[in-house]
Amino acid sequence: MISVEGYDQFDGLHWETGSLRNVLAHHGLRAPHTGEPFTEAMLLGLTGGAGVMYFTFEYEGFAPHVALGTRYPFDAVENVVKRLRLPAAVRQTKSQKKSVDSLLSALVVGEVAIVWADMFTLSYNALPSSPFPAMMPIVVYAYDIDSEMVRIADRAKVPLLATSGELAEARARQANYKNKMMSFEFEDASTFPIKNFAGAVEDAIRACVSLYVDAPPRGPVNNFGLAALERWGNLVANEKSRKGWPQVFAEPEHLYEALKSVYMAIEHRGSGGHAARPLYADFLLEAAEVLDRPTLEQAADRFRAAGEAWHKLALSALPDSVEPFRETRELIDRSQTLFREHGNHAWREMREIADRLEALKADISRSFPLDAAGRTTLLGSLCECIGEVYRAEAEAVRALEEAIA
């Protein structure tokens, strides 16, 4: 067994900020303003913070699906490394053997490794297979060559296990992230000088504002920020547009999956609930101290209010009034709790939940629980909630702009 001695950092709300928090805390890096390990809220802020991304995809041969993002989506881990000027070493190779050798070399000298892996391939997530990979950073801290088992820290409050073959497959799933690995080469992290921390915090806040109101670093303008919310609101109940939900998700199972995706993105997909707005508000309270700008506290209040609007939107996607939707929501919540608390030990119950969700999907594909009028009402309710989110987010961004003007 090749293991990093003393590694005991687990838990995390999101792959990016949770993995960074765990690794930096293990190394003993301290935040300049507290003298304590970095909070996940501060790291969220330093990635670029809160954000909005909205796409629908219709690929021939695949079911249409919606992609909703609630955090800054561009180079999040790299943004933190750059802003804090951390001594990160990034290795990437097309060779599986070389990737394993690099991982083992890091572990041997006590360097915890962040690797990018597909969440659908790692069985501890108990997810159905997907034709579209989701490459996320996770922490590897031990590798047993004899038993071919790897120990991982990945959002759960407990250690996770995967086979070495499973991890290798997950790491190779997508070309851009294939076998990518990052480690930190601190001489003594407890005394590492973080220069111009206030500047890093302010730069991250400005990046957040920019993504809301300016053209994104990559991709179409209308798919990010406030423009994305406006676009989504205009399409979700639009029966005339080819991109409107009544046409894109006309099939019952497709609409059901879209509604599930919206709920998952807002409440669970690394957000910590309420579209990560409460967590970003916590960052702004820390930033108010770092920058000595009390007005950031008012912006934090606005983002908390926006979080409530996002939560209302999530509940409107899977409302209590529709029994299969209520059950779906409760099953998703239960599975996420099981994973966070018990990791691999909850796999059997998580698989049972996944099977029940598949059965619900099959039932809904045969008989949707709403008639045409009910579907129209549901999508109309979503439209109203998206409008509320838009107004709350616009107020939050305006307050943030004024605070850093």
Foldseek 3Di string as FASTA:
>chain_A
DQFQPPQQQAAALAQQLSQVQSQLVSLQAADPVPLHGDDSLQLQLLLLHFKWFWDWDDDPPDAIAIDIATGDDPPSNVSNCVLQVFQKDKDADLDLVVLVVVCSVCSNVNWKKWAWFFPQLFLLLLADHDPDTDTGIWIWGDADPVVQKTWTHGNANDIAIGGVVSRQCGQCVDDVRRSMMMTGDDPRNSPDDRPPNLVSSLVSLVSNLCQQPHADPDDDNCRIHLSVLVVCLVAALDPPDCSHCCNSQVQQLSLLNRLVNLLCNAQGNSLVHLSVLLSNLVNLVVSCSVNVQCLSNVLSVLSVVLSVLSRQLNCLSQDVVQPLSVVLVVLVVVLRVCCRHPGSVCSVVNNVSNVVVVVSSVVCSVPNSDDPVRSSVSSVSSSVSSVVSSVSSVVSSVSSVVRSD
